[in-house]
Amino acid sequence: MHADTLVLARSVRNPDGTPTGPAAAANAVAITGGRITAVGDAADLAALRGPDTAVHTFPGATVLPGLVDVHTHPVWGSISTGSGVDLAAATTLDRVLDTLAAAVERAGADEWTTGYDLDVNAFDGEPTGAALGRRFPGRPIALMTKDAHALVVSPRAVELAGLTGRETFTDASSVEVGPDGRPTGYVVELQAMDLVFAHYPEIPVETAAGYVREQLHRMARSGLTGVHALDFADPSEDVYRHIERHGELPLRVRCSPLVPADSPPEEWRRIAGQQGLGGRRWHVEGVKFMLDGTADNGTAWFDHPDIHGENREPLWRDLDAYRAAMRYFTGLGIPTATHAIGDRAVRHALDVIAEVGPVERAPHRIEHLESVPDDLLPRFAQLGVVASLQPAHGTRQTRADGTDNWSRRIGPERVAHGWRTRDLLDHHAVVALGSDWPIGPGDPRTGLADCQLRRPVEEPRTAPVQPGQAITADEAYTGMTAAAAHAAGTAHELGRVAVGHLADLTVFQADPLGLAPEAQPANAVLATVVGGAVQLHPTSK
C-alpha cells in the first residue's frame, strides 16, 4: 500500500531516546490516513511511494515529534495582546507612561486604553494608578500585570467601574485602598478584575477570531503542533467554531475550563457538561483549579507569610469545597490541573489528589510549582502527578541577585526552591513544560533554551537563576513532546515518532538536540505536520 505522504530529512529523532523504529538511524517518515505507517531509511521506504504520494524533502533537517505547549491562554491572550499596548520593554514607570502615550492620544475621551505585560517592579512599592491619572487625566486606562493576576487602573477607570474598595469576594480578590479608604487603582485577582473587564468595549467574535487565528499561526511557525488552553471562558467556543467555519486551526487545542474558586456544585455540573465539546482540531477535556494566586501580588499560599505578611492564604476560601470539587470531577473520570504556586498550595493539592485517586483518561496535574520544598519532590512520581512548569517565569521575571519583587517577597530560602526542573526529574517526576502564554514567551525554542540556561537566552551577561536546576536539551524537548502527551493522556498516539502514532511532527533546519541553547531560538522551523497535513514555514527564524 502506498503512503499518502513521505517526509524525508537528515534524521528523525525522539528527544526521550525512544527508538523511532527498527532502523538504527531513521531519516524518513511515511504517513497514511493521518498516522505514521513507517519510519526508517529513505531507501527502505521508497517502495511506499506511489503516483499520488506527496513527497516533502528537507535536506539536512531533523524531524521531531510535534511540540506541544502544555499551558497557554490562546483566546483571552490573543484578545489582550491584539487590542492592547505591549509594556514588556517598559522597565520604569516613566517608560510605561511614555509607551502608553500614543495609544491614549488616539483613543476617544472615554474610550478605554488597555495594556499588558506590566512589570510591577516599575513601581516604588505597591502599584497604584495615581501616575496614570496625573499623566492622562480623565482617561480610562487598565494595565494587566505580567502575571495576569492584577490590574493597575487609572482614577477614571475606577470611576467608570464603580469601584469603592468595599467590595467583597468569595476568593482572595481585592480592590486595594489607600490610607484615605479610597481605591488606589490596584485591582487584585480574578473576581475583582472582572469588575473592570465588564466595562471594556465588546469585541466582535470575528475580530477576536482574527486575533486568535494570527497567534496560533505564529505558534505553528515556531514549531508547535498543539497547545493546552487552561481556560474555556467566553468567547472561546465561538472563536474556535468561527475559525473552523472559515478555515482550519493550524494546530490542536485541548481546552480545560476553569472551576471558579468556591463555586457551587451547579457550576461543577455545568463545566462537566462541556466535556467532549469540540471541532476538528479543538476539544474540551479536563478542568483547571486555581488553589492560590501569585506571589508577586501576595495571593499565593505559602507555609509562612512573606515580608509584607501576605502570600499566606489560598484562593479557595473553602478548602472543603475544593476537595469536594476535585472528588466530583475525579469521580466522573475528568482529569484535573491545579494551579499551585506556593509551597502550602502544592502540598495541599498533592494531599487532595492522594485522597481522590487517579483518573484513567489522563493524570492529574499541578501547574506552576514556583517553590517546592524538598519533602514534596518524591510525591509527584509516587502519586503519578504531572509537574507542569513554566521555568521562563523564573528566567524572565526574577533576578539572580534577589532584587525583584518575587524574590524580595518570599525570601532566599524559598527562592532557592524555585522552578525545580532538575530536582523533579531526578525524583522521576514527569515534567511537562509550557509557556503560560501570553505571560511567558510563546515561541517554544526560546522557552526551552531558557530551561537549559536558567536565564533569558538572548541575555548572555545575565546571571542564571537557580542554575542547579538547568536541564539538558533532550530533557527540555521531552517536556514538550513525550511528557506533554503523557500529561494529556495521549502517550499512546502522540509525543513520539512511532508507527501507529498520529502524524504530528516538527521539522527543524538543524537538530535542536545537538545545538547549543544559544543557537536554538534561531533554528528555523521548516514545517509542522498535524494529523498528516504538512504546513511549510519557510520564514520561521
Protein backbone atom coordinates (compact mmCIF):
# COMPACT_ATOMS: atom_id res chain seq x y z
CA MET A 1 0.00 0.00 0.00
CA HIS A 2 1.35 3.40 -0.98
CA ALA A 3 1.73 6.19 1.58
CA ASP A 4 -0.19 9.44 1.38
CA THR A 5 2.89 11.42 2.36
CA LEU A 6 6.63 10.85 2.73
CA VAL A 7 8.74 13.22 4.83
CA LEU A 8 12.46 12.90 4.06
CA ALA A 9 15.15 14.57 6.17
CA ARG A 10 18.64 14.00 7.54
CA SER A 11 17.41 12.45 10.77
CA VAL A 12 14.27 11.50 12.70
CA ARG A 13 14.59 11.55 16.48
CA ASN A 14 12.65 11.19 19.71
CA PRO A 15 14.01 13.52 22.43
CA ASP A 16 13.29 10.96 25.16
CA GLY A 17 15.61 8.45 23.45
CA THR A 18 12.86 6.04 22.40
CA PRO A 19 13.83 4.32 19.11
CA THR A 20 11.81 5.62 16.16
CA GLY A 21 11.79 2.21 14.51
CA PRO A 22 13.90 -0.81 13.63
CA ALA A 23 16.47 1.24 11.68
CA ALA A 24 19.47 2.38 13.70
CA ALA A 25 19.28 5.86 12.18
CA ALA A 26 16.00 6.90 10.58
CA ASN A 27 15.69 9.72 8.07
CA ALA A 28 12.21 9.22 6.63
CA VAL A 29 8.60 9.02 7.81
CA ALA A 30 5.67 7.56 5.88
CA ILE A 31 2.15 8.80 6.64
CA THR A 32 -1.19 7.30 5.65
CA GLY A 33 -4.61 8.34 6.88
CA GLY A 34 -3.10 10.88 9.27
CA ARG A 35 -0.95 8.30 11.09
CA ILE A 36 2.65 7.22 10.87
CA THR A 37 2.87 3.94 8.96
CA ALA A 38 6.63 3.56 8.66
CA VAL A 39 9.84 5.12 9.99
CA GLY A 40 13.25 4.22 8.68
CA ASP A 41 15.82 4.79 5.97
CA ALA A 42 14.57 6.65 2.90
CA ALA A 43 15.81 3.88 0.61
CA ASP A 44 13.80 1.29 2.54
CA LEU A 45 10.66 3.42 2.40
CA ALA A 46 10.96 4.13 -1.33
CA ALA A 47 8.59 1.25 -2.11
CA LEU A 48 5.81 3.16 -0.32
CA ARG A 49 5.98 5.97 -2.85
CA GLY A 50 3.16 5.88 -5.36
CA PRO A 51 1.93 8.20 -8.10
CA ASP A 52 -0.25 10.16 -5.64
CA THR A 53 2.22 10.23 -2.74
CA ALA A 54 3.19 13.74 -1.63
CA VAL A 55 6.93 13.81 -1.01
CA HIS A 56 8.45 16.55 1.16
CA THR A 57 12.23 16.61 1.21
CA PHE A 58 14.15 18.64 3.80
CA PRO A 59 17.90 18.19 3.21
CA GLY A 60 19.92 18.41 6.43
CA ALA A 61 16.80 18.77 8.59
CA THR A 62 15.73 16.89 11.71
CA VAL A 63 12.21 15.62 12.35
CA LEU A 64 10.98 15.53 15.96
CA PRO A 65 7.58 14.70 17.41
CA GLY A 66 5.36 17.77 17.23
CA LEU A 67 5.98 20.20 20.08
CA VAL A 68 3.07 20.86 22.45
CA ASP A 69 2.93 23.77 24.91
CA VAL A 70 1.05 22.42 27.94
CA HIS A 71 -0.04 25.76 29.42
CA THR A 72 -1.38 28.60 27.28
CA HIS A 73 -4.30 31.03 27.11
CA PRO A 74 -4.90 31.47 23.36
CA VAL A 75 -8.23 33.30 23.39
CA TRP A 76 -8.00 35.91 26.13
CA GLY A 77 -4.26 36.20 25.48
CA SER A 78 -4.78 36.93 21.80
CA ILE A 79 -7.52 39.44 22.52
CA SER A 80 -5.39 41.21 25.16
CA THR A 81 -2.27 41.37 23.01
CA GLY A 82 -4.19 42.13 19.83
CA SER A 83 -6.11 45.07 21.25
CA GLY A 84 -3.76 46.32 23.99
CA VAL A 85 -0.40 48.08 24.38
CA ASP A 86 2.68 45.89 24.88
CA LEU A 87 4.51 47.06 28.03
CA ALA A 88 7.10 44.27 28.16
CA ALA A 89 10.03 46.60 27.49
CA ALA A 90 8.86 49.30 29.92
CA THR A 91 11.02 48.69 32.98
CA THR A 92 10.38 52.04 34.69
CA LEU A 93 7.17 53.93 35.40
CA ASP A 94 8.22 56.77 33.11
CA ARG A 95 8.71 54.29 30.27
CA VAL A 96 5.31 52.76 30.97
CA LEU A 97 3.69 56.19 30.64
CA ASP A 98 5.66 57.06 27.50
CA THR A 99 4.74 53.72 25.90
CA LEU A 100 1.04 54.36 26.56
CA ALA A 101 1.02 57.94 25.31
CA ALA A 102 0.34 57.34 21.61
CA ALA A 103 -2.49 54.87 22.27
CA VAL A 104 -4.14 57.19 24.78
CA GLU A 105 -3.89 60.08 22.34
CA ARG A 106 -5.60 58.01 19.60
CA ALA A 107 -8.46 56.97 21.90
CA GLY A 108 -11.62 58.99 22.38
CA ALA A 109 -12.25 60.83 25.63
CA ASP A 110 -13.99 57.92 27.36
CA GLU A 111 -12.55 55.16 25.19
CA TRP A 112 -10.58 52.57 27.14
CA THR A 113 -6.83 52.12 26.66
CA THR A 114 -5.57 48.73 27.79
CA GLY A 115 -2.09 47.35 28.19
CA TYR A 116 -0.46 44.07 29.14
CA ASP A 117 2.83 42.69 30.46
CA LEU A 118 3.17 45.43 33.08
CA ASP A 119 6.20 44.86 35.33
CA VAL A 120 5.29 45.55 38.96
CA ASN A 121 8.98 46.23 39.60
CA ALA A 122 8.44 49.53 37.76
CA PHE A 123 6.66 50.88 40.86
CA ASP A 124 8.26 52.08 44.06
CA GLY A 125 6.22 49.95 46.42
CA GLU A 126 2.72 48.65 45.76
CA PRO A 127 1.42 49.56 42.29
CA THR A 128 -1.20 52.32 42.05
CA GLY A 129 -2.93 54.16 39.23
CA ALA A 130 -2.02 57.60 40.52
CA ALA A 131 0.63 58.23 37.86
CA LEU A 132 -1.87 57.30 35.13
CA GLY A 133 -4.26 59.94 36.45
CA ARG A 134 -1.58 62.62 36.57
CA ARG A 135 -0.25 61.95 33.06
CA PHE A 136 -3.60 61.17 31.42
CA PRO A 137 -6.31 62.93 33.46
CA GLY A 138 -9.86 61.78 32.84
CA ARG A 139 -8.85 58.84 30.66
CA PRO A 140 -9.88 55.21 31.43
CA ILE A 141 -6.76 53.04 31.38
CA ALA A 142 -6.30 49.46 32.59
CA LEU A 143 -2.96 47.65 32.58
CA MET A 144 -2.60 43.92 33.21
CA THR A 145 0.46 42.86 35.17
CA LYS A 146 2.94 40.31 33.84
CA ASP A 147 1.43 37.51 35.90
CA ALA A 148 -2.09 38.38 34.62
CA HIS A 149 -3.46 38.26 38.17
CA ALA A 150 -3.85 42.00 38.74
CA LEU A 151 -4.71 45.26 37.03
CA VAL A 152 -3.40 48.76 37.58
CA VAL A 153 -6.15 51.18 36.55
CA SER A 154 -6.48 54.95 36.29
CA PRO A 155 -8.77 57.05 38.52
CA ARG A 156 -11.23 57.41 35.61
CA ALA A 157 -11.32 53.62 35.22
CA VAL A 158 -12.04 53.30 38.95
CA GLU A 159 -14.91 55.72 38.49
CA LEU A 160 -16.39 54.01 35.41
CA ALA A 161 -16.17 50.58 37.01
CA GLY A 162 -17.82 51.87 40.18
CA LEU A 163 -15.04 50.55 42.43
CA THR A 164 -15.29 51.54 46.09
CA GLY A 165 -12.83 49.32 47.95
CA ARG A 166 -15.72 47.92 49.97
CA GLU A 167 -16.38 45.04 47.57
CA THR A 168 -16.45 41.52 48.94
CA PHE A 169 -15.40 38.41 47.05
CA THR A 170 -15.59 34.67 47.58
CA ASP A 171 -11.91 34.27 46.62
CA ALA A 172 -8.78 36.23 47.55
CA SER A 173 -9.63 39.11 45.22
CA SER A 174 -9.39 42.69 46.47
CA VAL A 175 -9.72 46.29 45.41
CA GLU A 176 -6.83 47.89 47.26
CA VAL A 177 -7.39 51.14 49.12
CA GLY A 178 -5.09 53.85 50.43
CA PRO A 179 -4.94 55.49 53.87
CA ASP A 180 -7.97 57.60 52.88
CA GLY A 181 -10.03 54.46 52.25
CA ARG A 182 -10.35 55.20 48.53
CA PRO A 183 -9.28 52.73 45.76
CA THR A 184 -5.67 53.13 44.72
CA GLY A 185 -6.21 51.60 41.29
CA TYR A 186 -4.59 48.28 42.19
CA VAL A 187 -7.12 45.52 41.48
CA VAL A 188 -6.02 42.05 42.55
CA GLU A 189 -7.17 38.61 41.35
CA LEU A 190 -9.90 37.41 39.04
CA GLN A 191 -13.20 38.33 40.67
CA ALA A 192 -12.05 41.90 41.28
CA MET A 193 -10.56 42.15 37.79
CA ASP A 194 -13.89 41.01 36.31
CA LEU A 195 -15.49 44.18 37.71
CA VAL A 196 -13.21 46.17 35.42
CA PHE A 197 -13.40 43.81 32.44
CA ALA A 198 -17.18 44.20 32.46
CA HIS A 199 -16.69 47.78 31.27
CA TYR A 200 -14.32 47.00 28.41
CA PRO A 201 -15.87 47.50 24.96
CA GLU A 202 -17.19 44.25 23.49
CA ILE A 203 -15.01 42.78 20.76
CA PRO A 204 -16.90 41.09 17.90
CA VAL A 205 -16.31 37.34 17.55
CA GLU A 206 -14.95 37.86 14.05
CA THR A 207 -12.33 40.29 15.37
CA ALA A 208 -11.44 38.04 18.29
CA ALA A 209 -11.14 35.06 15.95
CA GLY A 210 -8.77 37.06 13.78
CA TYR A 211 -6.51 37.76 16.77
CA VAL A 212 -6.57 34.09 17.82
CA ARG A 213 -6.00 32.77 14.31
CA GLU A 214 -2.99 35.04 13.85
CA GLN A 215 -1.45 33.98 17.17
CA LEU A 216 -1.99 30.26 16.57
CA HIS A 217 -0.33 30.56 13.17
CA ARG A 218 2.57 32.36 14.85
CA MET A 219 2.84 29.48 17.32
CA ALA A 220 2.76 26.92 14.50
CA ARG A 221 5.55 28.75 12.68
CA SER A 222 7.63 28.48 15.86
CA GLY A 223 7.25 24.68 15.89
CA LEU A 224 4.11 23.95 17.89
CA THR A 225 1.62 21.35 16.68
CA GLY A 226 -0.58 21.63 19.77
CA VAL A 227 -1.34 23.68 22.87
CA HIS A 228 -3.21 23.06 26.09
CA ALA A 229 -5.53 26.00 26.76
CA LEU A 230 -6.04 26.20 30.52
CA ASP A 231 -9.36 28.02 30.22
CA PHE A 232 -12.56 27.94 28.18
CA ALA A 233 -14.29 31.20 29.06
CA ASP A 234 -16.39 33.15 26.58
CA PRO A 235 -15.87 33.71 23.72
CA SER A 236 -13.62 30.62 23.37
CA GLU A 237 -16.18 28.24 21.89
CA ASP A 238 -17.50 30.84 19.45
CA VAL A 239 -13.96 31.76 18.39
CA TYR A 240 -12.83 28.19 17.69
CA ARG A 241 -16.03 27.40 15.81
CA HIS A 242 -15.70 30.60 13.77
CA ILE A 243 -12.12 29.76 12.78
CA GLU A 244 -13.09 26.25 11.70
CA ARG A 245 -16.09 27.51 9.73
CA HIS A 246 -13.76 29.70 7.72
CA GLY A 247 -10.67 27.50 7.52
CA GLU A 248 -8.55 25.31 9.77
CA LEU A 249 -6.78 25.69 13.06
CA PRO A 250 -3.03 25.36 12.41
CA LEU A 251 -2.55 23.19 15.50
CA ARG A 252 -4.51 21.14 18.04
CA VAL A 253 -6.06 22.88 21.05
CA ARG A 254 -7.02 20.98 24.22
CA CYS A 255 -9.21 23.21 26.41
CA SER A 256 -9.68 22.76 30.18
CA PRO A 257 -12.32 25.10 31.69
CA LEU A 258 -11.65 26.89 34.97
CA VAL A 259 -13.62 25.80 38.03
CA PRO A 260 -14.04 29.13 39.86
CA ALA A 261 -12.88 29.34 43.45
CA ASP A 262 -15.61 28.43 45.97
CA SER A 263 -18.06 27.74 43.14
CA PRO A 264 -21.20 25.72 43.93
CA PRO A 265 -21.99 22.19 42.65
CA GLU A 266 -24.32 23.51 39.94
CA GLU A 267 -21.33 25.26 38.38
CA TRP A 268 -19.37 22.00 38.51
CA ARG A 269 -22.20 20.25 36.68
CA ARG A 270 -22.24 22.93 34.01
CA ILE A 271 -18.50 22.56 33.44
CA ALA A 272 -18.74 18.76 33.42
CA GLY A 273 -21.32 19.15 30.65
CA GLN A 274 -18.75 20.94 28.49
CA GLN A 275 -16.50 17.89 28.38
CA GLY A 276 -16.36 16.47 24.87
CA LEU A 277 -17.27 19.70 23.09
CA GLY A 278 -15.03 20.22 20.12
CA GLY A 279 -14.35 20.54 16.44
CA ARG A 280 -11.82 19.13 14.03
CA ARG A 281 -8.72 20.25 15.92
CA TRP A 282 -10.02 21.54 19.25
CA HIS A 283 -11.79 19.81 22.11
CA VAL A 284 -12.67 20.26 25.78
CA GLU A 285 -11.05 17.82 28.18
CA GLY A 286 -10.16 18.20 31.83
CA VAL A 287 -10.70 21.07 34.24
CA LYS A 288 -8.49 23.64 35.90
CA PHE A 289 -8.49 24.80 39.52
CA MET A 290 -6.71 27.83 40.94
CA LEU A 291 -5.84 26.93 44.51
CA ASP A 292 -3.84 30.11 45.02
CA GLY A 293 -2.92 33.30 43.17
CA THR A 294 0.58 34.66 42.55
CA ALA A 295 3.49 35.51 44.79
CA ASP A 296 4.07 38.85 43.08
CA ASN A 297 0.74 40.25 44.25
CA GLY A 298 0.65 38.49 47.62
CA THR A 299 -2.08 35.95 46.84
CA ALA A 300 -0.04 32.74 46.66
CA TRP A 301 -0.33 30.24 49.53
CA PHE A 302 2.91 29.56 51.37
CA ASP A 303 3.58 27.83 54.67
CA HIS A 304 4.77 31.16 56.10
CA PRO A 305 3.80 34.73 55.18
CA ASP A 306 6.07 36.91 53.07
CA ILE A 307 7.80 40.10 54.25
CA HIS A 308 4.50 42.01 53.96
CA GLY A 309 2.53 39.43 55.92
CA GLU A 310 0.88 38.27 52.68
CA ASN A 311 1.11 35.14 50.50
CA ARG A 312 -0.42 33.13 53.32
CA GLU A 313 -3.94 32.19 52.19
CA PRO A 314 -5.50 30.03 49.46
CA LEU A 315 -7.62 31.47 46.68
CA TRP A 316 -10.29 28.90 47.62
CA ARG A 317 -11.53 30.14 50.98
CA ASP A 318 -13.50 26.92 51.46
CA LEU A 319 -10.93 24.14 51.20
CA ASP A 320 -13.59 21.53 51.79
CA ALA A 321 -15.29 22.78 48.65
CA TYR A 322 -12.03 22.39 46.69
CA ARG A 323 -11.73 18.83 47.97
CA ALA A 324 -15.36 18.09 47.11
CA ALA A 325 -14.98 19.53 43.61
CA MET A 326 -11.82 17.51 43.00
CA ARG A 327 -13.66 14.38 44.15
CA TYR A 328 -16.66 15.24 41.92
CA PHE A 329 -14.64 15.59 38.71
CA THR A 330 -12.40 12.63 39.51
CA GLY A 331 -15.49 10.52 40.09
CA LEU A 332 -16.66 11.42 36.58
CA GLY A 333 -13.30 10.40 35.12
CA ILE A 334 -12.33 14.01 34.34
CA PRO A 335 -8.63 14.83 34.84
CA THR A 336 -7.71 17.95 36.78
CA ALA A 337 -4.98 20.59 36.64
CA THR A 338 -4.45 22.65 39.81
CA HIS A 339 -2.68 26.00 39.74
CA ALA A 340 -0.48 25.93 42.86
CA ILE A 341 2.39 28.40 43.20
CA GLY A 342 3.18 28.49 46.92
CA ASP A 343 4.61 25.54 48.85
CA ARG A 344 1.48 25.17 51.01
CA ALA A 345 -0.72 25.14 47.90
CA VAL A 346 1.43 22.46 46.26
CA ARG A 347 1.30 20.35 49.43
CA HIS A 348 -2.46 20.69 49.76
CA ALA A 349 -3.05 19.82 46.10
CA LEU A 350 -0.92 16.67 46.45
CA ASP A 351 -2.77 15.70 49.63
CA VAL A 352 -6.16 16.07 47.96
CA ILE A 353 -5.05 14.16 44.86
CA ALA A 354 -3.87 11.35 47.13
CA GLU A 355 -7.35 11.29 48.67
CA VAL A 356 -9.42 11.38 45.46
CA GLY A 357 -7.24 8.99 43.49
CA PRO A 358 -6.24 8.86 39.82
CA VAL A 359 -8.28 9.23 36.63
CA GLU A 360 -7.93 6.62 33.91
CA ARG A 361 -8.17 9.07 31.00
CA ALA A 362 -5.20 11.24 31.96
CA PRO A 363 -3.11 12.02 35.05
CA HIS A 364 -3.84 14.84 37.45
CA ARG A 365 -1.50 17.80 37.06
CA ILE A 366 -0.18 20.61 39.22
CA GLU A 367 0.64 23.84 37.40
CA HIS A 368 3.42 26.37 38.05
CA LEU A 369 5.08 24.95 41.20
CA GLU A 370 7.10 28.10 41.71
CA SER A 371 8.58 27.00 45.05
CA VAL A 372 8.64 23.35 46.14
CA PRO A 373 10.32 22.14 49.37
CA ASP A 374 12.47 19.02 49.39
CA ASP A 375 9.94 16.72 51.03
CA LEU A 376 7.40 17.17 48.23
CA LEU A 377 9.72 16.22 45.36
CA PRO A 378 9.23 12.43 45.52
CA ARG A 379 5.45 12.65 45.89
CA PHE A 380 4.86 13.54 42.23
CA ALA A 381 6.19 10.21 40.99
CA GLN A 382 4.62 8.34 43.90
CA LEU A 383 1.16 9.71 43.08
CA GLY A 384 1.59 9.79 39.29
CA VAL A 385 1.01 13.57 39.27
CA VAL A 386 2.46 15.53 36.35
CA ALA A 387 4.60 18.52 37.30
CA SER A 388 3.66 21.23 34.77
CA LEU A 389 6.21 24.04 34.91
CA GLN A 390 6.95 27.31 33.13
CA PRO A 391 10.61 27.98 34.02
CA ALA A 392 10.66 31.07 31.79
CA HIS A 393 8.65 32.81 34.52
CA GLY A 394 11.74 32.45 36.67
CA THR A 395 14.26 33.37 33.98
CA ARG A 396 12.33 36.44 32.82
CA GLN A 397 10.53 37.76 35.90
CA THR A 398 13.10 37.20 38.65
CA ARG A 399 16.76 38.11 39.12
CA ALA A 400 19.68 36.12 40.45
CA ASP A 401 20.57 38.92 42.87
CA GLY A 402 17.13 38.72 44.51
CA THR A 403 16.20 42.34 43.85
CA ASP A 404 12.96 41.52 42.01
CA ASN A 405 9.56 41.69 43.68
CA TRP A 406 9.02 37.88 43.75
CA SER A 407 12.37 37.20 45.42
CA ARG A 408 12.13 40.06 47.91
CA ARG A 409 8.66 38.98 48.98
CA ILE A 410 9.27 35.29 49.67
CA GLY A 411 12.91 35.33 50.82
CA PRO A 412 16.08 33.43 49.85
CA GLU A 413 15.16 30.00 51.23
CA ARG A 414 12.00 29.73 49.15
CA VAL A 415 13.69 31.40 46.16
CA ALA A 416 16.30 28.61 46.23
CA HIS A 417 13.42 26.13 45.74
CA GLY A 418 12.17 27.88 42.60
CA TRP A 419 11.18 26.07 39.38
CA ARG A 420 12.92 22.81 40.33
CA THR A 421 13.01 21.11 36.92
CA ARG A 422 16.29 19.28 37.60
CA ASP A 423 15.27 18.03 41.04
CA LEU A 424 11.82 16.90 39.90
CA LEU A 425 13.32 14.92 37.02
CA ASP A 426 15.90 13.40 39.36
CA HIS A 427 12.98 12.28 41.55
CA HIS A 428 11.42 10.58 38.49
CA ALA A 429 8.53 13.01 38.07
CA VAL A 430 7.03 13.57 34.63
CA VAL A 431 7.88 17.22 33.92
CA ALA A 432 5.77 18.81 31.20
CA LEU A 433 6.76 22.27 30.03
CA GLY A 434 4.71 25.26 28.95
CA SER A 435 4.90 29.00 28.49
CA ASP A 436 1.68 30.26 30.14
CA TRP A 437 1.44 32.47 27.05
CA PRO A 438 0.88 35.43 26.95
CA ILE A 439 2.62 35.62 30.32
CA GLY A 440 5.69 33.78 29.02
CA PRO A 441 7.26 33.67 25.54
CA GLY A 442 5.07 31.78 23.08
CA ASP A 443 7.99 30.57 20.95
CA PRO A 444 8.96 27.18 22.38
CA ARG A 445 12.51 27.48 21.08
CA THR A 446 13.05 30.46 23.37
CA GLY A 447 11.41 28.92 26.44
CA LEU A 448 13.22 25.59 26.04
CA ALA A 449 16.58 27.36 25.67
CA ASP A 450 15.85 29.29 28.88
CA CYS A 451 15.22 25.96 30.64
CA GLN A 452 18.74 24.86 29.75
CA LEU A 453 20.45 28.15 30.61
CA ARG A 454 18.25 29.35 33.51
CA ARG A 455 18.45 32.87 32.10
CA PRO A 456 16.96 34.69 29.09
CA VAL A 457 18.69 33.08 26.14
CA GLU A 458 19.25 36.44 24.46
CA GLU A 459 20.99 37.92 27.53
CA PRO A 460 24.41 36.23 27.90
CA ARG A 461 25.51 38.67 30.60
CA THR A 462 22.51 37.99 32.82
CA ALA A 463 23.26 35.72 35.78
CA PRO A 464 21.21 32.49 35.83
CA VAL A 465 18.50 31.90 38.45
CA GLN A 466 18.75 28.62 40.38
CA PRO A 467 21.47 27.40 37.95
CA GLY A 468 21.48 23.95 39.54
CA GLN A 469 18.00 23.40 38.05
CA ALA A 470 19.24 23.54 34.44
CA ILE A 471 18.22 20.61 32.25
CA THR A 472 19.59 19.18 29.01
CA ALA A 473 18.26 19.78 25.51
CA ASP A 474 16.90 16.22 25.40
CA GLU A 475 15.07 16.73 28.70
CA ALA A 476 13.71 20.13 27.67
CA TYR A 477 12.35 18.92 24.33
CA THR A 478 10.93 15.81 26.02
CA GLY A 479 8.95 18.22 28.22
CA MET A 480 7.05 19.39 25.12
CA THR A 481 6.81 16.01 23.39
CA ALA A 482 6.57 12.73 25.32
CA ALA A 483 5.84 14.42 28.66
CA ALA A 484 3.20 16.68 27.10
CA ALA A 485 1.48 13.65 25.58
CA HIS A 486 1.57 11.85 28.93
CA ALA A 487 0.03 14.90 30.60
CA ALA A 488 -2.91 14.76 28.18
CA GLY A 489 -3.35 11.00 28.37
CA THR A 490 -2.34 10.65 24.71
CA ALA A 491 1.04 8.92 25.05
CA HIS A 492 -0.35 6.01 23.04
CA GLU A 493 -0.68 8.18 19.94
CA LEU A 494 1.28 11.42 20.37
CA GLY A 495 4.61 12.63 21.76
CA ARG A 496 6.86 10.26 19.83
CA VAL A 497 7.67 9.43 16.23
CA ALA A 498 6.44 5.84 16.12
CA VAL A 499 4.42 3.61 13.82
CA GLY A 500 0.72 3.88 14.63
CA HIS A 501 1.02 7.32 16.24
CA LEU A 502 -0.75 10.36 14.87
CA ALA A 503 1.47 12.14 12.37
CA ASP A 504 2.15 15.32 14.36
CA LEU A 505 5.73 16.36 13.59
CA THR A 506 8.04 19.37 13.76
CA VAL A 507 10.76 19.71 11.13
CA PHE A 508 13.80 21.74 12.20
CA GLN A 509 16.54 23.02 9.93
CA ALA A 510 19.15 21.66 12.36
CA ASP A 511 18.93 19.07 15.11
CA PRO A 512 17.98 21.13 18.20
CA LEU A 513 19.18 18.34 20.49
CA GLY A 514 22.70 18.87 19.22
CA LEU A 515 22.71 22.67 19.24
CA ALA A 516 23.96 24.93 21.99
CA PRO A 517 20.97 26.53 23.77
CA GLU A 518 22.02 29.95 22.46
CA ALA A 519 21.57 28.71 18.87
CA GLN A 520 18.18 27.06 19.36
CA PRO A 521 15.86 30.11 19.05
CA ALA A 522 17.19 30.80 15.54
CA ASN A 523 16.85 27.17 14.46
CA ALA A 524 14.34 27.53 11.62
CA VAL A 525 11.14 25.51 11.66
CA LEU A 526 10.80 24.33 8.07
CA ALA A 527 7.44 22.62 8.53
CA THR A 528 4.92 21.31 11.01
CA VAL A 529 2.70 18.31 10.40
CA VAL A 530 -0.68 17.94 12.13
CA GLY A 531 -2.57 14.70 11.51
CA GLY A 532 -0.57 14.15 8.35
CA ALA A 533 -1.27 17.63 6.91
CA VAL A 534 2.04 19.34 6.11
CA GLN A 535 2.35 23.09 6.70
CA LEU A 536 5.52 24.65 5.28
CA HIS A 537 7.09 27.53 7.20
CA PRO A 538 9.87 28.94 5.01
CA THR A 539 10.44 32.10 7.08
CA SER A 540 10.20 30.93 10.70
CA LYS A 541 13.52 32.20 12.04
